């Protein structure tokens, strides 16, 4: 683990959230430099179409989060 990561992990959760938001905002400002691949766009379109056709399919975020937490 780098020295920078250790410093970041010493921050409080609210401070880390603010940092993530600032990082995301800086990335969002440069979004024209990021292009999804054709395969990724196709996969996202397929998943969106599947959701539109079957909105009850899949799991809620709360269910997914609970399953993940059980693993740890």
PDB file of N, CA and C in Angstrom:
ATOM      1  N   UNK A   1       0.855  -1.173   0.000  1.00  0.00           N
ATOM      2  CA  UNK A   1       0.000   0.000   0.000  1.00  0.00           C
ATOM      3  C   UNK A   1       0.900   1.235   0.000  1.00  0.00           C
ATOM      4  N   UNK A   2       0.546   2.194  -0.819  1.00  0.00           N
ATOM      5  CA  UNK A   2       1.360   3.397  -0.924  1.00  0.00           C
ATOM      6  C   UNK A   2       1.135   4.310   0.282  1.00  0.00           C
ATOM      7  N   UNK A   3       2.081   5.207   0.474  1.00  0.00           N
ATOM      8  CA  UNK A   3       1.959   6.189   1.558  1.00  0.00           C
ATOM      9  C   UNK A   3       0.685   7.019   1.372  1.00  0.00           C
ATOM     10  N   UNK A   4       0.382   7.382   0.118  1.00  0.00           N
ATOM     11  CA  UNK A   4      -0.813   8.182  -0.158  1.00  0.00           C
ATOM     12  C   UNK A   4      -2.077   7.427   0.248  1.00  0.00           C
ATOM     13  N   UNK A   5      -2.149   6.128  -0.060  1.00  0.00           N
ATOM     14  CA  UNK A   5      -3.324   5.341   0.307  1.00  0.00           C
ATOM     15  C   UNK A   5      -3.475   5.250   1.823  1.00  0.00           C
ATOM     16  N   UNK A   6      -2.376   5.087   2.535  1.00  0.00           N
ATOM     17  CA  UNK A   6      -2.454   5.039   3.997  1.00  0.00           C
ATOM     18  C   UNK A   6      -2.996   6.354   4.533  1.00  0.00           C
ATOM     19  N   UNK A   7      -2.540   7.472   3.961  1.00  0.00           N
ATOM     20  CA  UNK A   7      -3.035   8.782   4.389  1.00  0.00           C
ATOM     21  C   UNK A   7      -4.523   8.930   4.104  1.00  0.00           C
ATOM     22  N   UNK A   8      -4.931   8.474   2.936  1.00  0.00           N
ATOM     23  CA  UNK A   8      -6.347   8.574   2.573  1.00  0.00           C
ATOM     24  C   UNK A   8      -7.200   7.743   3.523  1.00  0.00           C
ATOM     25  N   UNK A   9      -6.755   6.541   3.845  1.00  0.00           N
ATOM     26  CA  UNK A   9      -7.533   5.665   4.725  1.00  0.00           C
ATOM     27  C   UNK A   9      -7.590   6.178   6.168  1.00  0.00           C
ATOM     28  N   UNK A  10      -6.724   7.102   6.511  1.00  0.00           N
ATOM     29  CA  UNK A  10      -6.783   7.714   7.845  1.00  0.00           C
ATOM     30  C   UNK A  10      -7.865   8.796   7.933  1.00  0.00           C
ATOM     31  N   UNK A  11      -8.327   9.264   6.783  1.00  0.00           N
ATOM     32  CA  UNK A  11      -9.383  10.276   6.779  1.00  0.00           C
ATOM     33  C   UNK A  11     -10.686   9.673   7.283  1.00  0.00           C
ATOM     34  N   UNK A  12     -11.543  10.528   7.791  1.00  0.00           N
ATOM     35  CA  UNK A  12     -12.871  10.062   8.210  1.00  0.00           C
ATOM     36  C   UNK A  12     -13.685   9.702   6.959  1.00  0.00           C
ATOM     37  N   UNK A  13     -14.739   8.942   7.163  1.00  0.00           N
ATOM     38  CA  UNK A  13     -15.580   8.561   6.025  1.00  0.00           C
ATOM     39  C   UNK A  13     -16.153   9.801   5.332  1.00  0.00           C
ATOM     40  N   UNK A  14     -16.680  10.788   6.049  1.00  0.00           N
ATOM     41  CA  UNK A  14     -17.169  11.981   5.341  1.00  0.00           C
ATOM     42  C   UNK A  14     -16.070  12.672   4.533  1.00  0.00           C
ATOM     43  N   UNK A  15     -14.854  12.695   5.053  1.00  0.00           N
ATOM     44  CA  UNK A  15     -13.752  13.312   4.312  1.00  0.00           C
ATOM     45  C   UNK A  15     -13.425  12.508   3.046  1.00  0.00           C
ATOM     46  N   UNK A  16     -13.462  11.182   3.168  1.00  0.00           N
ATOM     47  CA  UNK A  16     -13.191  10.343   2.001  1.00  0.00           C
ATOM     48  C   UNK A  16     -14.284  10.490   0.945  1.00  0.00           C
ATOM     49  N   UNK A  17     -15.521  10.613   1.399  1.00  0.00           N
ATOM     50  CA  UNK A  17     -16.620  10.814   0.451  1.00  0.00           C
ATOM     51  C   UNK A  17     -16.433  12.122  -0.298  1.00  0.00           C
ATOM     52  N   UNK A  18     -16.061  13.169   0.416  1.00  0.00           N
ATOM     53  CA  UNK A  18     -15.797  14.446  -0.243  1.00  0.00           C
ATOM     54  C   UNK A  18     -14.662  14.318  -1.259  1.00  0.00           C
ATOM     55  N   UNK A  19     -13.644  13.547  -0.916  1.00  0.00           N
ATOM     56  CA  UNK A  19     -12.526  13.339  -1.834  1.00  0.00           C
ATOM     57  C   UNK A  19     -12.982  12.608  -3.088  1.00  0.00           C
ATOM     58  N   UNK A  20     -13.784  11.571  -2.902  1.00  0.00           N
ATOM     59  CA  UNK A  20     -14.286  10.816  -4.052  1.00  0.00           C
ATOM     60  C   UNK A  20     -15.137  11.721  -4.939  1.00  0.00           C
ATOM     61  N   UNK A  21     -15.975  12.545  -4.332  1.00  0.00           N
ATOM     62  CA  UNK A  21     -16.798  13.465  -5.111  1.00  0.00           C
ATOM     63  C   UNK A  21     -15.924  14.434  -5.907  1.00  0.00           C
ATOM     64  N   UNK A  22     -14.874  14.940  -5.281  1.00  0.00           N
ATOM     65  CA  UNK A  22     -13.971  15.864  -5.977  1.00  0.00           C
ATOM     66  C   UNK A  22     -13.258  15.164  -7.126  1.00  0.00           C
ATOM     67  N   UNK A  23     -12.842  13.921  -6.903  1.00  0.00           N
ATOM     68  CA  UNK A  23     -12.182  13.161  -7.967  1.00  0.00           C
ATOM     69  C   UNK A  23     -13.169  12.912  -9.108  1.00  0.00           C
ATOM     70  N   UNK A  24     -14.392  12.498  -8.752  1.00  0.00           N
ATOM     71  CA  UNK A  24     -15.393  12.235  -9.787  1.00  0.00           C
ATOM     72  C   UNK A  24     -15.677  13.505 -10.594  1.00  0.00           C
ATOM     73  N   UNK A  25     -15.828  14.634  -9.918  1.00  0.00           N
ATOM     74  CA  UNK A  25     -16.079  15.895 -10.620  1.00  0.00           C
ATOM     75  C   UNK A  25     -14.948  16.223 -11.579  1.00  0.00           C
ATOM     76  N   UNK A  26     -13.707  15.951 -11.170  1.00  0.00           N
ATOM     77  CA  UNK A  26     -12.574  16.244 -12.052  1.00  0.00           C
ATOM     78  C   UNK A  26     -12.571  15.329 -13.268  1.00  0.00           C
ATOM     79  N   UNK A  27     -13.040  14.096 -13.102  1.00  0.00           N
ATOM     80  CA  UNK A  27     -13.131  13.161 -14.225  1.00  0.00           C
ATOM     81  C   UNK A  27     -14.277  13.578 -15.145  1.00  0.00           C
ATOM     82  N   UNK A  28     -15.389  13.951 -14.538  1.00  0.00           N
ATOM     83  CA  UNK A  28     -16.560  14.340 -15.312  1.00  0.00           C
ATOM     84  C   UNK A  28     -16.261  15.543 -16.213  1.00  0.00           C
ATOM     85  N   UNK A  29     -15.431  16.445 -15.725  1.00  0.00           N
ATOM     86  CA  UNK A  29     -15.065  17.616 -16.516  1.00  0.00           C
ATOM     87  C   UNK A  29     -14.301  17.219 -17.771  1.00  0.00           C
ATOM     88  N   UNK A  30     -13.654  16.081 -17.748  1.00  0.00           N
ATOM     89  CA  UNK A  30     -12.830  15.610 -18.863  1.00  0.00           C
ATOM     90  C   UNK A  30     -13.491  14.454 -19.600  1.00  0.00           C
ATOM     91  N   UNK A  31     -14.812  14.299 -19.455  1.00  0.00           N
ATOM     92  CA  UNK A  31     -15.481  13.122 -20.010  1.00  0.00           C
ATOM     93  C   UNK A  31     -15.346  12.980 -21.516  1.00  0.00           C
ATOM     94  N   UNK A  32     -15.056  14.052 -22.226  1.00  0.00           N
ATOM     95  CA  UNK A  32     -14.895  13.932 -23.666  1.00  0.00           C
ATOM     96  C   UNK A  32     -13.673  13.095 -24.028  1.00  0.00           C
ATOM     97  N   UNK A  33     -12.772  12.887 -23.086  1.00  0.00           N
ATOM     98  CA  UNK A  33     -11.576  12.101 -23.340  1.00  0.00           C
ATOM     99  C   UNK A  33     -11.817  10.598 -23.143  1.00  0.00           C
ATOM    100  N   UNK A  34     -12.964  10.254 -22.586  1.00  0.00           N
ATOM    101  CA  UNK A  34     -13.258   8.858 -22.296  1.00  0.00           C
ATOM    102  C   UNK A  34     -14.337   8.361 -23.250  1.00  0.00           C
ATOM    103  N   UNK A  35     -14.045   7.307 -23.945  1.00  0.00           N
ATOM    104  CA  UNK A  35     -14.987   6.757 -24.912  1.00  0.00           C
ATOM    105  C   UNK A  35     -15.206   5.281 -24.592  1.00  0.00           C
ATOM    106  N   UNK A  36     -16.471   4.881 -24.491  1.00  0.00           N
ATOM    107  CA  UNK A  36     -16.780   3.474 -24.276  1.00  0.00           C
ATOM    108  C   UNK A  36     -16.507   2.694 -25.547  1.00  0.00           C
ATOM    109  N   UNK A  37     -16.075   1.466 -25.376  1.00  0.00           N
ATOM    110  CA  UNK A  37     -15.861   0.610 -26.543  1.00  0.00           C
ATOM    111  C   UNK A  37     -17.219   0.225 -27.137  1.00  0.00           C
ATOM    112  N   UNK A  38     -17.201  -0.201 -28.375  1.00  0.00           N
ATOM    113  CA  UNK A  38     -18.429  -0.644 -29.045  1.00  0.00           C
ATOM    114  C   UNK A  38     -19.050  -1.809 -28.284  1.00  0.00           C
ATOM    115  N   UNK A  39     -18.206  -2.716 -27.793  1.00  0.00           N
ATOM    116  CA  UNK A  39     -18.698  -3.882 -27.049  1.00  0.00           C
ATOM    117  C   UNK A  39     -19.381  -3.461 -25.750  1.00  0.00           C
ATOM    118  N   UNK A  40     -18.789  -2.495 -25.062  1.00  0.00           N
ATOM    119  CA  UNK A  40     -19.375  -2.026 -23.801  1.00  0.00           C
ATOM    120  C   UNK A  40     -20.703  -1.329 -24.056  1.00  0.00           C
ATOM    121  N   UNK A  41     -20.756  -0.499 -25.093  1.00  0.00           N
ATOM    122  CA  UNK A  41     -22.012   0.173 -25.441  1.00  0.00           C
ATOM    123  C   UNK A  41     -23.094  -0.859 -25.764  1.00  0.00           C
ATOM    124  N   UNK A  42     -22.723  -1.883 -26.525  1.00  0.00           N
ATOM    125  CA  UNK A  42     -23.689  -2.926 -26.889  1.00  0.00           C
ATOM    126  C   UNK A  42     -24.191  -3.658 -25.645  1.00  0.00           C
ATOM    127  N   UNK A  43     -23.283  -3.994 -24.742  1.00  0.00           N
ATOM    128  CA  UNK A  43     -23.668  -4.686 -23.512  1.00  0.00           C
ATOM    129  C   UNK A  43     -24.616  -3.822 -22.682  1.00  0.00           C
ATOM    130  N   UNK A  44     -24.314  -2.541 -22.548  1.00  0.00           N
ATOM    131  CA  UNK A  44     -25.189  -1.646 -21.792  1.00  0.00           C
ATOM    132  C   UNK A  44     -26.558  -1.524 -22.445  1.00  0.00           C
ATOM    133  N   UNK A  45     -26.590  -1.427 -23.768  1.00  0.00           N
ATOM    134  CA  UNK A  45     -27.869  -1.364 -24.485  1.00  0.00           C
ATOM    135  C   UNK A  45     -28.681  -2.636 -24.273  1.00  0.00           C
ATOM    136  N   UNK A  46     -28.016  -3.785 -24.314  1.00  0.00           N
ATOM    137  CA  UNK A  46     -28.713  -5.060 -24.101  1.00  0.00           C
ATOM    138  C   UNK A  46     -29.283  -5.143 -22.686  1.00  0.00           C
ATOM    139  N   UNK A  47     -28.510  -4.717 -21.721  1.00  0.00           N
ATOM    140  CA  UNK A  47     -28.981  -4.774 -20.330  1.00  0.00           C
ATOM    141  C   UNK A  47     -30.127  -3.803 -20.094  1.00  0.00           C
ATOM    142  N   UNK A  48     -30.060  -2.626 -20.701  1.00  0.00           N
ATOM    143  CA  UNK A  48     -31.151  -1.664 -20.569  1.00  0.00           C
ATOM    144  C   UNK A  48     -32.416  -2.218 -21.210  1.00  0.00           C
ATOM    145  N   UNK A  49     -32.294  -2.795 -22.386  1.00  0.00           N
ATOM    146  CA  UNK A  49     -33.452  -3.378 -23.066  1.00  0.00           C
ATOM    147  C   UNK A  49     -34.056  -4.514 -22.239  1.00  0.00           C
ATOM    148  N   UNK A  50     -33.201  -5.358 -21.665  1.00  0.00           N
ATOM    149  CA  UNK A  50     -33.687  -6.455 -20.821  1.00  0.00           C
ATOM    150  C   UNK A  50     -34.441  -5.907 -19.613  1.00  0.00           C
ATOM    151  N   UNK A  51     -33.942  -4.837 -19.038  1.00  0.00           N
ATOM    152  CA  UNK A  51     -34.620  -4.230 -17.882  1.00  0.00           C
ATOM    153  C   UNK A  51     -35.964  -3.634 -18.295  1.00  0.00           C
ATOM    154  N   UNK A  52     -35.989  -2.946 -19.437  1.00  0.00           N
ATOM    155  CA  UNK A  52     -37.241  -2.349 -19.916  1.00  0.00           C
ATOM    156  C   UNK A  52     -38.282  -3.429 -20.180  1.00  0.00           C
ATOM    157  N   UNK A  53     -37.840  -4.541 -20.771  1.00  0.00           N
ATOM    158  CA  UNK A  53     -38.758  -5.640 -21.095  1.00  0.00           C
ATOM    159  C   UNK A  53     -39.191  -6.436 -19.870  1.00  0.00           C
ATOM    160  N   UNK A  54     -38.348  -6.486 -18.836  1.00  0.00           N
ATOM    161  CA  UNK A  54     -38.641  -7.269 -17.624  1.00  0.00           C
ATOM    162  C   UNK A  54     -38.209  -6.494 -16.381  1.00  0.00           C
ATOM    163  N   UNK A  55     -38.927  -5.416 -16.043  1.00  0.00           N
ATOM    164  CA  UNK A  55     -38.476  -4.578 -14.923  1.00  0.00           C
ATOM    165  C   UNK A  55     -38.454  -5.288 -13.568  1.00  0.00           C
ATOM    166  N   UNK A  56     -39.199  -6.388 -13.434  1.00  0.00           N
ATOM    167  CA  UNK A  56     -39.211  -7.124 -12.175  1.00  0.00           C
ATOM    168  C   UNK A  56     -38.068  -8.107 -12.028  1.00  0.00           C
ATOM    169  N   UNK A  57     -37.347  -8.364 -13.109  1.00  0.00           N
ATOM    170  CA  UNK A  57     -36.213  -9.290 -13.072  1.00  0.00           C
ATOM    171  C   UNK A  57     -35.056  -8.680 -12.305  1.00  0.00           C
ATOM    172  N   UNK A  58     -34.192  -9.523 -11.831  1.00  0.00           N
ATOM    173  CA  UNK A  58     -32.990  -9.037 -11.166  1.00  0.00           C
ATOM    174  C   UNK A  58     -33.222  -8.801  -9.684  1.00  0.00           C
ATOM    175  N   UNK A  59     -32.241  -8.149  -9.076  1.00  0.00           N
ATOM    176  CA  UNK A  59     -32.265  -7.914  -7.638  1.00  0.00           C
ATOM    177  C   UNK A  59     -32.203  -6.424  -7.340  1.00  0.00           C
ATOM    178  N   UNK A  60     -32.797  -6.046  -6.232  1.00  0.00           N
ATOM    179  CA  UNK A  60     -32.702  -4.648  -5.804  1.00  0.00           C
ATOM    180  C   UNK A  60     -31.296  -4.392  -5.260  1.00  0.00           C
ATOM    181  N   UNK A  61     -30.929  -3.123  -5.188  1.00  0.00           N
ATOM    182  CA  UNK A  61     -29.622  -2.774  -4.641  1.00  0.00           C
ATOM    183  C   UNK A  61     -29.496  -3.271  -3.206  1.00  0.00           C
ATOM    184  N   UNK A  62     -30.561  -3.174  -2.420  1.00  0.00           N
ATOM    185  CA  UNK A  62     -30.502  -3.634  -1.022  1.00  0.00           C
ATOM    186  C   UNK A  62     -30.220  -5.135  -0.944  1.00  0.00           C
ATOM    187  N   UNK A  63     -30.831  -5.918  -1.838  1.00  0.00           N
ATOM    188  CA  UNK A  63     -30.572  -7.360  -1.861  1.00  0.00           C
ATOM    189  C   UNK A  63     -29.127  -7.662  -2.256  1.00  0.00           C
ATOM    190  N   UNK A  64     -28.647  -6.969  -3.276  1.00  0.00           N
ATOM    191  CA  UNK A  64     -27.270  -7.172  -3.731  1.00  0.00           C
ATOM    192  C   UNK A  64     -26.294  -6.814  -2.616  1.00  0.00           C
ATOM    193  N   UNK A  65     -26.518  -5.667  -1.980  1.00  0.00           N
ATOM    194  CA  UNK A  65     -25.642  -5.215  -0.898  1.00  0.00           C
ATOM    195  C   UNK A  65     -25.634  -6.226   0.251  1.00  0.00           C
ATOM    196  N   UNK A  66     -26.799  -6.766   0.586  1.00  0.00           N
ATOM    197  CA  UNK A  66     -26.883  -7.756   1.669  1.00  0.00           C
ATOM    198  C   UNK A  66     -26.089  -9.012   1.311  1.00  0.00           C
ATOM    199  N   UNK A  67     -26.178  -9.470   0.059  1.00  0.00           N
ATOM    200  CA  UNK A  67     -25.413 -10.653  -0.360  1.00  0.00           C
ATOM    201  C   UNK A  67     -23.912 -10.391  -0.288  1.00  0.00           C
ATOM    202  N   UNK A  68     -23.501  -9.206  -0.690  1.00  0.00           N
ATOM    203  CA  UNK A  68     -22.076  -8.867  -0.638  1.00  0.00           C
ATOM    204  C   UNK A  68     -21.600  -8.841   0.807  1.00  0.00           C
ATOM    205  N   UNK A  69     -22.381  -8.226   1.693  1.00  0.00           N
ATOM    206  CA  UNK A  69     -21.977  -8.133   3.101  1.00  0.00           C
ATOM    207  C   UNK A  69     -21.864  -9.504   3.752  1.00  0.00           C
ATOM    208  N   UNK A  70     -22.693 -10.463   3.326  1.00  0.00           N
ATOM    209  CA  UNK A  70     -22.632 -11.819   3.874  1.00  0.00           C
ATOM    210  C   UNK A  70     -21.307 -12.503   3.540  1.00  0.00           C
ATOM    211  N   UNK A  71     -20.690 -12.085   2.429  1.00  0.00           N
ATOM    212  CA  UNK A  71     -19.437 -12.703   2.010  1.00  0.00           C
ATOM    213  C   UNK A  71     -18.265 -12.276   2.871  1.00  0.00           C
ATOM    214  N   UNK A  72     -18.421 -11.195   3.595  1.00  0.00           N
ATOM    215  CA  UNK A  72     -17.303 -10.663   4.385  1.00  0.00           C
ATOM    216  C   UNK A  72     -17.586 -10.751   5.818  1.00  0.00           C
TER     217      UNK A  72
END
